[in-house]
Amino acid sequence: MDEIKSVIAKNITQLRLAKGMTQIELAEKLNYSDKAVSKWERGESIPDVSVLMHIADIFSVTLDYLVHPHKDADERGMKLRDANRKKNHIFITSMCILLVWLIATIAFVVMDMIPVDLGFLHGLSFVYAIPASTIVWLVFNAVWFNRRRNYIIISILMWTVLISLHVSFLPFGFNFWIMYVLGIPGQIIIFLWSRLKYPKQKTSVKYTRKQKNSQIQ
């Protein structure tokens, strides 16, 4: 009996975490208290068969799945959590980039409402929104995504800044196309920087085993 309690507790916990759901959220779907869910996940009690069927429906699994152990459950749960986390990171990054364009749009509207002929200045908010968006992308990519992509983003940032400066001076009659020459050595530096090799930190086998043992305990 204790063994099946442990199996059900482990399966409910892993399914709930894989779906990014809290104990309170699961309890609300089942019309139970979060204390009851906590007891199930600690293996102190077992839900009724009707409740187990409801839990199986919520997580799109069979009742048989809930009452049997699964060797690959931990790995599957980790993959689902990683996938959900990645989706959230993409959503947050996209939202912040859109926020930059919202600010650029607000600036454009405000300048249009000013009773002064600003001419080309109206469109500059959108021109500089491009490198600003690239900076936001670079920051979030460095924190959450593939850092090797940073070199590509930095290259895009450099060229968009040069283009923005060039466009800004054009209405004044200055065609500073020569500034694009600066991008050539800059691009070479970025390329060489991307080819640098960094030594990987080696973790001893003993330390890894100790970590695994502590997690099991």
N, C-alpha and C. Protein backbone atom coordinates (compact mmCIF):
# COMPACT_ATOMS: atom_id res chain seq x y z
N MET A 1 0.83 -1.21 0.00
CA MET A 1 0.00 0.00 0.00
C MET A 1 0.86 1.26 0.00
N ASP A 2 1.92 1.22 0.83
CA ASP A 2 2.81 2.38 0.89
C ASP A 2 3.51 2.60 -0.45
N GLU A 3 3.79 1.49 -1.15
CA GLU A 3 4.48 1.61 -2.43
C GLU A 3 3.59 2.28 -3.47
N ILE A 4 2.32 1.91 -3.54
CA ILE A 4 1.43 2.53 -4.52
C ILE A 4 1.16 3.99 -4.17
N LYS A 5 1.14 4.30 -2.86
CA LYS A 5 1.01 5.70 -2.45
C LYS A 5 2.18 6.52 -2.99
N SER A 6 3.38 5.95 -2.84
CA SER A 6 4.58 6.64 -3.30
C SER A 6 4.57 6.83 -4.80
N VAL A 7 4.12 5.80 -5.54
CA VAL A 7 4.08 5.87 -7.00
C VAL A 7 3.10 6.93 -7.47
N ILE A 8 1.90 6.91 -6.90
CA ILE A 8 0.87 7.90 -7.28
C ILE A 8 1.33 9.31 -6.92
N ALA A 9 1.93 9.45 -5.74
CA ALA A 9 2.42 10.76 -5.30
C ALA A 9 3.47 11.31 -6.27
N LYS A 10 4.40 10.44 -6.67
CA LYS A 10 5.46 10.86 -7.58
C LYS A 10 4.90 11.24 -8.95
N ASN A 11 3.96 10.42 -9.46
CA ASN A 11 3.39 10.69 -10.78
C ASN A 11 2.58 11.99 -10.80
N ILE A 12 1.78 12.23 -9.76
CA ILE A 12 0.99 13.47 -9.70
C ILE A 12 1.91 14.68 -9.63
N THR A 13 2.94 14.59 -8.80
CA THR A 13 3.89 15.70 -8.65
C THR A 13 4.59 16.02 -9.97
N GLN A 14 5.09 14.98 -10.65
CA GLN A 14 5.81 15.19 -11.90
C GLN A 14 4.91 15.74 -13.00
N LEU A 15 3.69 15.23 -13.09
CA LEU A 15 2.75 15.72 -14.10
C LEU A 15 2.38 17.18 -13.83
N ARG A 16 2.18 17.51 -12.57
CA ARG A 16 1.80 18.88 -12.21
C ARG A 16 2.94 19.85 -12.53
N LEU A 17 4.16 19.48 -12.15
CA LEU A 17 5.31 20.35 -12.40
C LEU A 17 5.60 20.48 -13.89
N ALA A 18 5.44 19.38 -14.61
CA ALA A 18 5.70 19.41 -16.06
C ALA A 18 4.74 20.36 -16.77
N LYS A 19 3.53 20.50 -16.23
CA LYS A 19 2.54 21.39 -16.84
C LYS A 19 2.64 22.80 -16.28
N GLY A 20 3.59 23.03 -15.35
CA GLY A 20 3.76 24.36 -14.77
C GLY A 20 2.60 24.78 -13.91
N MET A 21 1.99 23.83 -13.23
CA MET A 21 0.80 24.08 -12.41
C MET A 21 1.16 24.02 -10.93
N THR A 22 0.56 24.90 -10.13
CA THR A 22 0.78 24.88 -8.69
C THR A 22 -0.21 23.93 -8.03
N GLN A 23 0.05 23.61 -6.76
CA GLN A 23 -0.88 22.74 -6.02
C GLN A 23 -2.24 23.40 -5.88
N ILE A 24 -2.25 24.71 -5.71
CA ILE A 24 -3.51 25.44 -5.56
C ILE A 24 -4.33 25.36 -6.86
N GLU A 25 -3.65 25.52 -8.01
CA GLU A 25 -4.34 25.47 -9.30
C GLU A 25 -4.93 24.08 -9.55
N LEU A 26 -4.16 23.04 -9.21
CA LEU A 26 -4.67 21.68 -9.37
C LEU A 26 -5.85 21.43 -8.43
N ALA A 27 -5.73 21.93 -7.21
CA ALA A 27 -6.81 21.76 -6.23
C ALA A 27 -8.10 22.42 -6.70
N GLU A 28 -7.97 23.61 -7.32
CA GLU A 28 -9.15 24.32 -7.82
C GLU A 28 -9.85 23.55 -8.93
N LYS A 29 -9.04 22.91 -9.81
CA LYS A 29 -9.63 22.12 -10.90
C LYS A 29 -10.36 20.89 -10.38
N LEU A 30 -9.90 20.39 -9.21
CA LEU A 30 -10.49 19.18 -8.64
C LEU A 30 -11.54 19.48 -7.58
N ASN A 31 -11.71 20.78 -7.26
CA ASN A 31 -12.62 21.19 -6.18
C ASN A 31 -12.21 20.60 -4.83
N TYR A 32 -10.91 20.56 -4.63
CA TYR A 32 -10.34 20.11 -3.37
C TYR A 32 -9.45 21.22 -2.81
N SER A 33 -9.00 21.06 -1.58
CA SER A 33 -8.09 22.03 -0.99
C SER A 33 -6.66 21.71 -1.40
N ASP A 34 -5.81 22.73 -1.37
CA ASP A 34 -4.41 22.50 -1.70
C ASP A 34 -3.72 21.61 -0.66
N LYS A 35 -4.28 21.57 0.57
CA LYS A 35 -3.73 20.69 1.61
C LYS A 35 -3.94 19.23 1.21
N ALA A 36 -5.09 18.93 0.59
CA ALA A 36 -5.35 17.56 0.15
C ALA A 36 -4.36 17.16 -0.94
N VAL A 37 -4.12 18.08 -1.89
CA VAL A 37 -3.16 17.81 -2.97
C VAL A 37 -1.77 17.60 -2.38
N SER A 38 -1.43 18.41 -1.39
CA SER A 38 -0.13 18.29 -0.74
C SER A 38 0.03 16.92 -0.08
N LYS A 39 -1.04 16.42 0.55
CA LYS A 39 -1.00 15.10 1.19
C LYS A 39 -0.83 13.99 0.15
N TRP A 40 -1.50 14.15 -1.01
CA TRP A 40 -1.35 13.15 -2.07
C TRP A 40 0.08 13.11 -2.56
N GLU A 41 0.68 14.29 -2.74
CA GLU A 41 2.03 14.35 -3.29
C GLU A 41 3.09 13.92 -2.27
N ARG A 42 2.75 13.97 -1.01
CA ARG A 42 3.67 13.48 0.03
C ARG A 42 3.46 11.99 0.30
N GLY A 43 2.45 11.41 -0.32
CA GLY A 43 2.18 9.99 -0.15
C GLY A 43 1.51 9.65 1.16
N GLU A 44 0.87 10.64 1.78
CA GLU A 44 0.20 10.41 3.06
C GLU A 44 -1.21 9.85 2.86
N SER A 45 -1.77 10.08 1.68
CA SER A 45 -3.10 9.55 1.37
C SER A 45 -3.22 9.38 -0.14
N ILE A 46 -4.26 8.66 -0.57
CA ILE A 46 -4.50 8.39 -1.98
C ILE A 46 -5.87 8.97 -2.37
N PRO A 47 -5.95 9.67 -3.50
CA PRO A 47 -7.25 10.18 -3.95
C PRO A 47 -8.20 9.03 -4.29
N ASP A 48 -9.48 9.31 -4.25
CA ASP A 48 -10.48 8.33 -4.68
C ASP A 48 -10.29 8.02 -6.16
N VAL A 49 -10.86 6.89 -6.59
CA VAL A 49 -10.74 6.49 -8.00
C VAL A 49 -11.32 7.55 -8.93
N SER A 50 -12.45 8.14 -8.53
CA SER A 50 -13.06 9.18 -9.36
C SER A 50 -12.15 10.40 -9.49
N VAL A 51 -11.46 10.72 -8.39
CA VAL A 51 -10.53 11.86 -8.41
C VAL A 51 -9.31 11.52 -9.26
N LEU A 52 -8.83 10.30 -9.15
CA LEU A 52 -7.69 9.87 -9.98
C LEU A 52 -8.04 9.94 -11.45
N MET A 53 -9.27 9.59 -11.80
CA MET A 53 -9.70 9.68 -13.20
C MET A 53 -9.75 11.13 -13.66
N HIS A 54 -10.19 12.00 -12.77
CA HIS A 54 -10.22 13.44 -13.09
C HIS A 54 -8.80 13.98 -13.28
N ILE A 55 -7.88 13.55 -12.41
CA ILE A 55 -6.48 13.97 -12.53
C ILE A 55 -5.90 13.48 -13.85
N ALA A 56 -6.21 12.23 -14.21
CA ALA A 56 -5.73 11.67 -15.48
C ALA A 56 -6.24 12.47 -16.67
N ASP A 57 -7.50 12.92 -16.61
CA ASP A 57 -8.07 13.74 -17.69
C ASP A 57 -7.38 15.09 -17.79
N ILE A 58 -7.08 15.69 -16.62
CA ILE A 58 -6.43 17.01 -16.61
C ILE A 58 -5.07 16.96 -17.28
N PHE A 59 -4.32 15.88 -17.02
CA PHE A 59 -2.96 15.78 -17.56
C PHE A 59 -2.89 14.93 -18.83
N SER A 60 -4.05 14.55 -19.37
CA SER A 60 -4.13 13.79 -20.63
C SER A 60 -3.33 12.49 -20.57
N VAL A 61 -3.49 11.77 -19.46
CA VAL A 61 -2.88 10.45 -19.31
C VAL A 61 -3.97 9.46 -18.92
N THR A 62 -3.61 8.19 -18.87
CA THR A 62 -4.57 7.16 -18.46
C THR A 62 -4.48 6.94 -16.96
N LEU A 63 -5.52 6.32 -16.42
CA LEU A 63 -5.52 5.97 -15.01
C LEU A 63 -4.41 4.97 -14.71
N ASP A 64 -4.14 4.11 -15.67
CA ASP A 64 -3.07 3.13 -15.53
C ASP A 64 -1.72 3.82 -15.38
N TYR A 65 -1.55 4.93 -16.09
CA TYR A 65 -0.29 5.68 -16.00
C TYR A 65 -0.06 6.20 -14.59
N LEU A 66 -1.12 6.66 -13.94
CA LEU A 66 -0.99 7.25 -12.61
C LEU A 66 -0.58 6.24 -11.54
N VAL A 67 -0.95 4.98 -11.70
CA VAL A 67 -0.73 4.00 -10.64
C VAL A 67 0.47 3.10 -10.89
N HIS A 68 1.23 3.38 -11.97
CA HIS A 68 2.42 2.58 -12.25
C HIS A 68 3.66 3.47 -12.31
N PRO A 69 4.81 2.94 -11.85
CA PRO A 69 6.05 3.73 -11.90
C PRO A 69 6.54 3.86 -13.34
N HIS A 70 7.30 4.93 -13.60
CA HIS A 70 7.84 5.19 -14.94
C HIS A 70 9.29 5.61 -14.80
N LYS A 71 10.18 4.82 -15.41
CA LYS A 71 11.61 5.12 -15.31
C LYS A 71 11.98 6.42 -16.00
N ASP A 72 11.29 6.70 -17.11
CA ASP A 72 11.63 7.89 -17.89
C ASP A 72 10.79 9.10 -17.51
N ALA A 73 10.05 9.01 -16.40
CA ALA A 73 9.15 10.11 -16.01
C ALA A 73 9.93 11.37 -15.67
N ASP A 74 11.05 11.20 -14.96
CA ASP A 74 11.85 12.37 -14.58
C ASP A 74 12.37 13.10 -15.81
N GLU A 75 12.89 12.31 -16.76
CA GLU A 75 13.44 12.92 -17.97
C GLU A 75 12.36 13.60 -18.80
N ARG A 76 11.20 12.94 -18.91
CA ARG A 76 10.09 13.52 -19.66
C ARG A 76 9.60 14.80 -19.00
N GLY A 77 9.52 14.77 -17.67
CA GLY A 77 9.08 15.95 -16.95
C GLY A 77 10.04 17.12 -17.13
N MET A 78 11.34 16.82 -17.09
CA MET A 78 12.34 17.87 -17.27
C MET A 78 12.27 18.47 -18.66
N LYS A 79 12.03 17.62 -19.67
CA LYS A 79 11.93 18.11 -21.04
C LYS A 79 10.71 19.02 -21.21
N LEU A 80 9.59 18.62 -20.60
CA LEU A 80 8.39 19.45 -20.67
C LEU A 80 8.58 20.79 -19.97
N ARG A 81 9.23 20.74 -18.80
CA ARG A 81 9.47 21.99 -18.06
C ARG A 81 10.42 22.90 -18.84
N ASP A 82 11.45 22.30 -19.46
CA ASP A 82 12.38 23.10 -20.26
C ASP A 82 11.68 23.72 -21.46
N ALA A 83 10.78 22.95 -22.09
CA ALA A 83 10.05 23.46 -23.25
C ALA A 83 9.14 24.62 -22.85
N ASN A 84 8.46 24.47 -21.71
CA ASN A 84 7.58 25.55 -21.23
C ASN A 84 8.39 26.78 -20.85
N ARG A 85 9.54 26.54 -20.22
CA ARG A 85 10.40 27.67 -19.83
C ARG A 85 10.91 28.41 -21.06
N LYS A 86 11.29 27.67 -22.10
CA LYS A 86 11.79 28.28 -23.33
C LYS A 86 10.70 29.11 -24.01
N LYS A 87 9.47 28.58 -24.02
CA LYS A 87 8.35 29.32 -24.60
C LYS A 87 8.13 30.64 -23.86
N ASN A 88 8.20 30.58 -22.53
CA ASN A 88 8.03 31.79 -21.74
C ASN A 88 9.13 32.81 -22.02
N HIS A 89 10.36 32.33 -22.18
CA HIS A 89 11.48 33.23 -22.47
C HIS A 89 11.30 33.90 -23.82
N ILE A 90 10.85 33.12 -24.82
CA ILE A 90 10.60 33.69 -26.15
C ILE A 90 9.48 34.73 -26.08
N PHE A 91 8.44 34.42 -25.32
CA PHE A 91 7.30 35.33 -25.18
C PHE A 91 7.74 36.64 -24.53
N ILE A 92 8.52 36.55 -23.45
CA ILE A 92 8.99 37.75 -22.73
C ILE A 92 9.90 38.59 -23.63
N THR A 93 10.81 37.93 -24.35
CA THR A 93 11.72 38.64 -25.25
C THR A 93 10.94 39.37 -26.34
N SER A 94 9.99 38.67 -26.95
CA SER A 94 9.17 39.29 -28.01
C SER A 94 8.37 40.46 -27.47
N MET A 95 7.84 40.30 -26.26
CA MET A 95 7.04 41.36 -25.66
C MET A 95 7.88 42.61 -25.41
N CYS A 96 9.13 42.42 -24.96
CA CYS A 96 10.00 43.56 -24.69
C CYS A 96 10.41 44.27 -25.99
N ILE A 97 10.64 43.49 -27.04
CA ILE A 97 10.96 44.09 -28.34
C ILE A 97 9.77 44.89 -28.88
N LEU A 98 8.58 44.33 -28.72
CA LEU A 98 7.37 45.06 -29.13
C LEU A 98 7.18 46.32 -28.31
N LEU A 99 7.61 46.28 -27.05
CA LEU A 99 7.52 47.47 -26.20
C LEU A 99 8.38 48.60 -26.74
N VAL A 100 9.55 48.24 -27.28
CA VAL A 100 10.42 49.25 -27.91
C VAL A 100 9.70 49.93 -29.06
N TRP A 101 9.01 49.12 -29.88
CA TRP A 101 8.29 49.69 -31.03
C TRP A 101 7.06 50.47 -30.60
N LEU A 102 6.48 50.08 -29.47
CA LEU A 102 5.36 50.86 -28.93
C LEU A 102 5.83 52.24 -28.51
N ILE A 103 6.99 52.28 -27.84
CA ILE A 103 7.56 53.57 -27.43
C ILE A 103 7.89 54.42 -28.65
N ALA A 104 8.44 53.79 -29.70
CA ALA A 104 8.75 54.52 -30.93
C ALA A 104 7.48 55.08 -31.57
N THR A 105 6.41 54.31 -31.53
CA THR A 105 5.13 54.76 -32.10
C THR A 105 4.56 55.91 -31.29
N ILE A 106 4.65 55.81 -29.97
CA ILE A 106 4.18 56.91 -29.11
C ILE A 106 4.96 58.18 -29.39
N ALA A 107 6.29 58.05 -29.54
CA ALA A 107 7.13 59.22 -29.84
C ALA A 107 6.74 59.83 -31.19
N PHE A 108 6.44 58.97 -32.16
CA PHE A 108 6.03 59.44 -33.48
C PHE A 108 4.72 60.22 -33.40
N VAL A 109 3.76 59.69 -32.65
CA VAL A 109 2.45 60.34 -32.52
C VAL A 109 2.58 61.67 -31.78
N VAL A 110 3.38 61.69 -30.71
CA VAL A 110 3.57 62.93 -29.93
C VAL A 110 4.21 64.01 -30.79
N MET A 111 5.24 63.64 -31.56
CA MET A 111 5.91 64.63 -32.42
C MET A 111 4.98 65.13 -33.51
N ASP A 112 4.06 64.26 -33.97
CA ASP A 112 3.11 64.67 -35.00
C ASP A 112 2.08 65.66 -34.44
N MET A 113 1.81 65.55 -33.13
CA MET A 113 0.84 66.44 -32.50
C MET A 113 1.42 67.82 -32.17
N ILE A 114 2.75 67.92 -32.14
CA ILE A 114 3.39 69.20 -31.85
C ILE A 114 3.16 70.15 -33.03
N PRO A 115 2.68 71.35 -32.76
CA PRO A 115 2.39 72.30 -33.86
C PRO A 115 3.65 72.93 -34.45
N VAL A 116 4.63 72.10 -34.71
CA VAL A 116 5.89 72.56 -35.31
C VAL A 116 6.27 71.55 -36.38
N ASP A 117 6.74 72.06 -37.52
CA ASP A 117 7.14 71.16 -38.60
C ASP A 117 8.49 70.55 -38.26
N LEU A 118 8.45 69.28 -37.84
CA LEU A 118 9.69 68.59 -37.47
C LEU A 118 10.30 67.83 -38.64
N GLY A 119 9.58 67.80 -39.72
CA GLY A 119 10.12 67.18 -40.93
C GLY A 119 10.52 65.72 -40.74
N PHE A 120 11.77 65.42 -41.09
CA PHE A 120 12.26 64.04 -41.06
C PHE A 120 12.34 63.47 -39.64
N LEU A 121 12.30 64.33 -38.62
CA LEU A 121 12.44 63.85 -37.24
C LEU A 121 11.31 62.90 -36.85
N HIS A 122 10.17 63.02 -37.54
CA HIS A 122 9.05 62.14 -37.24
C HIS A 122 9.46 60.66 -37.37
N GLY A 123 10.16 60.38 -38.45
CA GLY A 123 10.49 58.98 -38.73
C GLY A 123 11.69 58.44 -37.99
N LEU A 124 12.46 59.31 -37.34
CA LEU A 124 13.68 58.86 -36.67
C LEU A 124 13.38 57.92 -35.49
N SER A 125 12.21 58.08 -34.90
CA SER A 125 11.87 57.20 -33.78
C SER A 125 11.83 55.74 -34.23
N PHE A 126 11.33 55.52 -35.46
CA PHE A 126 11.28 54.16 -35.99
C PHE A 126 12.66 53.70 -36.46
N VAL A 127 13.46 54.65 -36.96
CA VAL A 127 14.80 54.29 -37.42
C VAL A 127 15.65 53.78 -36.25
N TYR A 128 15.59 54.50 -35.12
CA TYR A 128 16.40 54.11 -33.96
C TYR A 128 15.76 52.99 -33.15
N ALA A 129 14.51 52.67 -33.47
CA ALA A 129 13.87 51.52 -32.81
C ALA A 129 14.52 50.22 -33.25
N ILE A 130 15.13 50.22 -34.44
CA ILE A 130 15.77 48.99 -34.95
C ILE A 130 16.99 48.62 -34.11
N PRO A 131 17.98 49.52 -33.92
CA PRO A 131 19.09 49.14 -33.04
C PRO A 131 18.67 48.95 -31.59
N ALA A 132 17.67 49.71 -31.14
CA ALA A 132 17.18 49.53 -29.77
C ALA A 132 16.60 48.14 -29.57
N SER A 133 15.84 47.66 -30.56
CA SER A 133 15.28 46.31 -30.51
C SER A 133 16.40 45.26 -30.51
N THR A 134 17.45 45.55 -31.26
CA THR A 134 18.57 44.62 -31.33
C THR A 134 19.28 44.52 -29.98
N ILE A 135 19.37 45.65 -29.27
CA ILE A 135 19.99 45.65 -27.94
C ILE A 135 19.18 44.80 -26.98
N VAL A 136 17.86 44.94 -27.03
CA VAL A 136 16.98 44.13 -26.18
C VAL A 136 17.16 42.65 -26.50
N TRP A 137 17.19 42.34 -27.79
CA TRP A 137 17.39 40.96 -28.23
C TRP A 137 18.72 40.41 -27.73
N LEU A 138 19.76 41.23 -27.79
CA LEU A 138 21.09 40.82 -27.35
C LEU A 138 21.11 40.50 -25.86
N VAL A 139 20.47 41.36 -25.07
CA VAL A 139 20.46 41.16 -23.61
C VAL A 139 19.77 39.86 -23.24
N PHE A 140 18.58 39.63 -23.80
CA PHE A 140 17.83 38.42 -23.45
C PHE A 140 18.48 37.16 -24.03
N ASN A 141 19.10 37.30 -25.19
CA ASN A 141 19.79 36.15 -25.77
C ASN A 141 20.98 35.73 -24.91
N ALA A 142 21.69 36.73 -24.36
CA ALA A 142 22.84 36.45 -23.51
C ALA A 142 22.42 35.78 -22.20
N VAL A 143 21.22 36.07 -21.74
CA VAL A 143 20.75 35.52 -20.47
C VAL A 143 20.10 34.16 -20.63
N TRP A 144 19.27 34.00 -21.68
CA TRP A 144 18.40 32.81 -21.78
C TRP A 144 18.70 31.88 -22.94
N PHE A 145 19.28 32.39 -24.02
CA PHE A 145 19.36 31.57 -25.22
C PHE A 145 20.81 31.23 -25.56
N ASN A 146 21.04 30.88 -26.82
CA ASN A 146 22.37 30.46 -27.28
C ASN A 146 23.31 31.66 -27.37
N ARG A 147 24.31 31.67 -26.52
CA ARG A 147 25.22 32.83 -26.48
C ARG A 147 26.09 32.94 -27.72
N ARG A 148 26.26 31.84 -28.43
CA ARG A 148 27.04 31.91 -29.67
C ARG A 148 26.35 32.80 -30.70
N ARG A 149 25.04 32.97 -30.56
CA ARG A 149 24.28 33.83 -31.46
C ARG A 149 24.56 35.30 -31.18
N ASN A 150 25.16 35.61 -30.03
CA ASN A 150 25.44 37.00 -29.67
C ASN A 150 26.28 37.71 -30.72
N TYR A 151 27.21 36.98 -31.33
CA TYR A 151 28.10 37.59 -32.32
C TYR A 151 27.32 38.06 -33.55
N ILE A 152 26.32 37.28 -33.94
CA ILE A 152 25.47 37.67 -35.07
C ILE A 152 24.65 38.90 -34.70
N ILE A 153 24.11 38.89 -33.47
CA ILE A 153 23.29 40.02 -33.02
C ILE A 153 24.12 41.28 -32.90
N ILE A 154 25.35 41.14 -32.40
CA ILE A 154 26.25 42.32 -32.28
C ILE A 154 26.56 42.88 -33.65
N SER A 155 26.76 42.01 -34.64
CA SER A 155 27.01 42.47 -36.02
C SER A 155 25.80 43.25 -36.55
N ILE A 156 24.60 42.70 -36.31
CA ILE A 156 23.38 43.40 -36.74
C ILE A 156 23.27 44.75 -36.04
N LEU A 157 23.59 44.78 -34.74
CA LEU A 157 23.52 46.02 -33.99
C LEU A 157 24.48 47.07 -34.54
N MET A 158 25.70 46.66 -34.85
CA MET A 158 26.70 47.60 -35.38
C MET A 158 26.24 48.22 -36.69
N TRP A 159 25.75 47.39 -37.62
CA TRP A 159 25.35 47.90 -38.93
C TRP A 159 24.07 48.73 -38.85
N THR A 160 23.15 48.37 -37.96
CA THR A 160 21.92 49.17 -37.83
C THR A 160 22.21 50.53 -37.19
N VAL A 161 23.18 50.58 -36.29
CA VAL A 161 23.58 51.88 -35.71
C VAL A 161 24.19 52.76 -36.78
N LEU A 162 25.06 52.19 -37.62
CA LEU A 162 25.68 52.97 -38.71
C LEU A 162 24.63 53.46 -39.70
N ILE A 163 23.68 52.60 -40.02
CA ILE A 163 22.60 53.00 -40.94
C ILE A 163 21.76 54.11 -40.34
N SER A 164 21.45 54.00 -39.05
CA SER A 164 20.63 55.01 -38.36
C SER A 164 21.34 56.36 -38.36
N LEU A 165 22.64 56.35 -38.09
CA LEU A 165 23.40 57.61 -38.09
C LEU A 165 23.46 58.21 -39.50
N HIS A 166 23.64 57.35 -40.49
CA HIS A 166 23.69 57.83 -41.87
C HIS A 166 22.37 58.48 -42.27
N VAL A 167 21.26 57.81 -41.95
CA VAL A 167 19.93 58.34 -42.28
C VAL A 167 19.67 59.65 -41.54
N SER A 168 20.18 59.77 -40.31
CA SER A 168 19.95 60.97 -39.51
C SER A 168 20.62 62.20 -40.11
N PHE A 169 21.78 62.01 -40.75
CA PHE A 169 22.52 63.15 -41.31
C PHE A 169 22.12 63.50 -42.74
N LEU A 170 21.44 62.57 -43.41
CA LEU A 170 21.08 62.82 -44.82
C LEU A 170 20.24 64.09 -45.02
N PRO A 171 19.21 64.36 -44.19
CA PRO A 171 18.39 65.57 -44.40
C PRO A 171 19.17 66.87 -44.27
N PHE A 172 20.32 66.82 -43.59
CA PHE A 172 21.14 68.03 -43.43
C PHE A 172 22.11 68.21 -44.59
N GLY A 173 22.03 67.31 -45.58
CA GLY A 173 22.90 67.43 -46.75
C GLY A 173 24.24 66.74 -46.58
N PHE A 174 24.41 65.99 -45.49
CA PHE A 174 25.66 65.28 -45.24
C PHE A 174 25.48 63.80 -45.59
N ASN A 175 26.18 63.35 -46.60
CA ASN A 175 26.12 61.95 -47.00
C ASN A 175 27.38 61.25 -46.50
N PHE A 176 27.35 60.91 -45.22
CA PHE A 176 28.53 60.32 -44.59
C PHE A 176 28.57 58.80 -44.86
N TRP A 177 28.60 58.44 -46.12
CA TRP A 177 28.68 57.01 -46.46
C TRP A 177 29.98 56.40 -46.00
N ILE A 178 30.99 57.26 -45.80
CA ILE A 178 32.32 56.77 -45.41
C ILE A 178 32.28 56.07 -44.05
N MET A 179 31.23 56.38 -43.24
CA MET A 179 31.16 55.76 -41.91
C MET A 179 30.97 54.24 -42.00
N TYR A 180 30.47 53.77 -43.16
CA TYR A 180 30.30 52.31 -43.31
C TYR A 180 31.64 51.59 -43.37
N VAL A 181 32.68 52.36 -43.68
CA VAL A 181 34.03 51.76 -43.69
C VAL A 181 34.39 51.29 -42.28
N LEU A 182 33.86 52.01 -41.26
CA LEU A 182 34.12 51.61 -39.88
C LEU A 182 33.58 50.21 -39.57
N GLY A 183 32.55 49.83 -40.31
CA GLY A 183 31.96 48.52 -40.07
C GLY A 183 32.84 47.37 -40.51
N ILE A 184 33.77 47.63 -41.44
CA ILE A 184 34.64 46.55 -41.93
C ILE A 184 35.58 46.04 -40.84
N PRO A 185 36.41 46.93 -40.22
CA PRO A 185 37.25 46.41 -39.13
C PRO A 185 36.42 45.92 -37.94
N GLY A 186 35.27 46.57 -37.72
CA GLY A 186 34.40 46.14 -36.63
C GLY A 186 33.90 44.73 -36.86
N GLN A 187 33.52 44.43 -38.10
CA GLN A 187 33.04 43.08 -38.43
C GLN A 187 34.15 42.05 -38.30
N ILE A 188 35.36 42.44 -38.70
CA ILE A 188 36.51 41.52 -38.57
C ILE A 188 36.79 41.20 -37.10
N ILE A 189 36.71 42.23 -36.24
CA ILE A 189 36.94 42.03 -34.80
C ILE A 189 35.89 41.09 -34.22
N ILE A 190 34.63 41.30 -34.61
CA ILE A 190 33.54 40.44 -34.13
C ILE A 190 33.76 39.00 -34.58
N PHE A 191 34.20 38.82 -35.83
CA PHE A 191 34.44 37.48 -36.35
C PHE A 191 35.57 36.79 -35.58
N LEU A 192 36.68 37.51 -35.38
CA LEU A 192 37.81 36.92 -34.65
C LEU A 192 37.43 36.62 -33.20
N TRP A 193 36.63 37.50 -32.62
CA TRP A 193 36.16 37.30 -31.25
C TRP A 193 35.32 36.02 -31.14
N SER A 194 34.52 35.77 -32.19
CA SER A 194 33.66 34.58 -32.18
C SER A 194 34.47 33.29 -32.32
N ARG A 195 35.72 33.40 -32.81
CA ARG A 195 36.55 32.21 -33.01
C ARG A 195 37.38 31.86 -31.78
N LEU A 196 37.30 32.69 -30.75
CA LEU A 196 38.06 32.40 -29.53
C LEU A 196 37.53 31.14 -28.87
N LYS A 197 38.43 30.34 -28.35
CA LYS A 197 38.07 29.11 -27.66
C LYS A 197 38.28 29.29 -26.16
N TYR A 198 37.26 28.93 -25.40
CA TYR A 198 37.35 29.04 -23.94
C TYR A 198 37.40 27.63 -23.34
N PRO A 199 38.29 27.43 -22.37
CA PRO A 199 38.38 26.10 -21.75
C PRO A 199 37.12 25.75 -20.99
N LYS A 200 36.68 24.51 -21.13
CA LYS A 200 35.49 24.06 -20.41
C LYS A 200 35.86 23.65 -19.00
N GLN A 201 34.98 23.99 -18.07
CA GLN A 201 35.21 23.61 -16.69
C GLN A 201 34.87 22.14 -16.52
N LYS A 202 35.82 21.40 -15.96
CA LYS A 202 35.64 19.97 -15.75
C LYS A 202 35.14 19.71 -14.34
N THR A 203 34.11 18.93 -14.26
CA THR A 203 33.56 18.56 -12.96
C THR A 203 34.01 17.14 -12.63
N SER A 204 34.56 16.96 -11.47
CA SER A 204 35.08 15.65 -11.09
C SER A 204 33.94 14.65 -10.95
N VAL A 205 34.26 13.38 -11.21
CA VAL A 205 33.26 12.32 -11.14
C VAL A 205 32.77 12.16 -9.72
N LYS A 206 33.69 12.28 -8.74
CA LYS A 206 33.31 12.13 -7.35
C LYS A 206 32.30 13.18 -6.93
N TYR A 207 32.54 14.44 -7.38
CA TYR A 207 31.64 15.53 -7.01
C TYR A 207 30.27 15.31 -7.62
N THR A 208 30.23 14.83 -8.87
CA THR A 208 28.95 14.58 -9.53
C THR A 208 28.17 13.50 -8.81
N ARG A 209 28.87 12.45 -8.38
CA ARG A 209 28.21 11.37 -7.67
C ARG A 209 27.65 11.84 -6.32
N LYS A 210 28.42 12.70 -5.65
CA LYS A 210 27.95 13.24 -4.38
C LYS A 210 26.68 14.06 -4.57
N GLN A 211 26.66 14.84 -5.66
CA GLN A 211 25.47 15.65 -5.96
C GLN A 211 24.26 14.76 -6.18
N LYS A 212 24.43 13.68 -6.96
CA LYS A 212 23.33 12.79 -7.25
C LYS A 212 22.83 12.11 -5.99
N ASN A 213 23.77 11.70 -5.11
CA ASN A 213 23.38 11.05 -3.87
C ASN A 213 22.61 11.98 -2.97
N SER A 214 23.04 13.27 -2.92
CA SER A 214 22.34 14.24 -2.09
C SER A 214 20.94 14.53 -2.61
N GLN A 215 20.78 14.51 -3.95
CA GLN A 215 19.46 14.75 -4.54
C GLN A 215 18.51 13.60 -4.25
N ILE A 216 19.08 12.35 -4.26
CA ILE A 216 18.26 11.18 -3.99
C ILE A 216 17.77 11.20 -2.54
N GLN A 217 18.69 11.58 -1.63
CA GLN A 217 18.33 11.66 -0.22
C GLN A 217 17.33 12.77 0.04
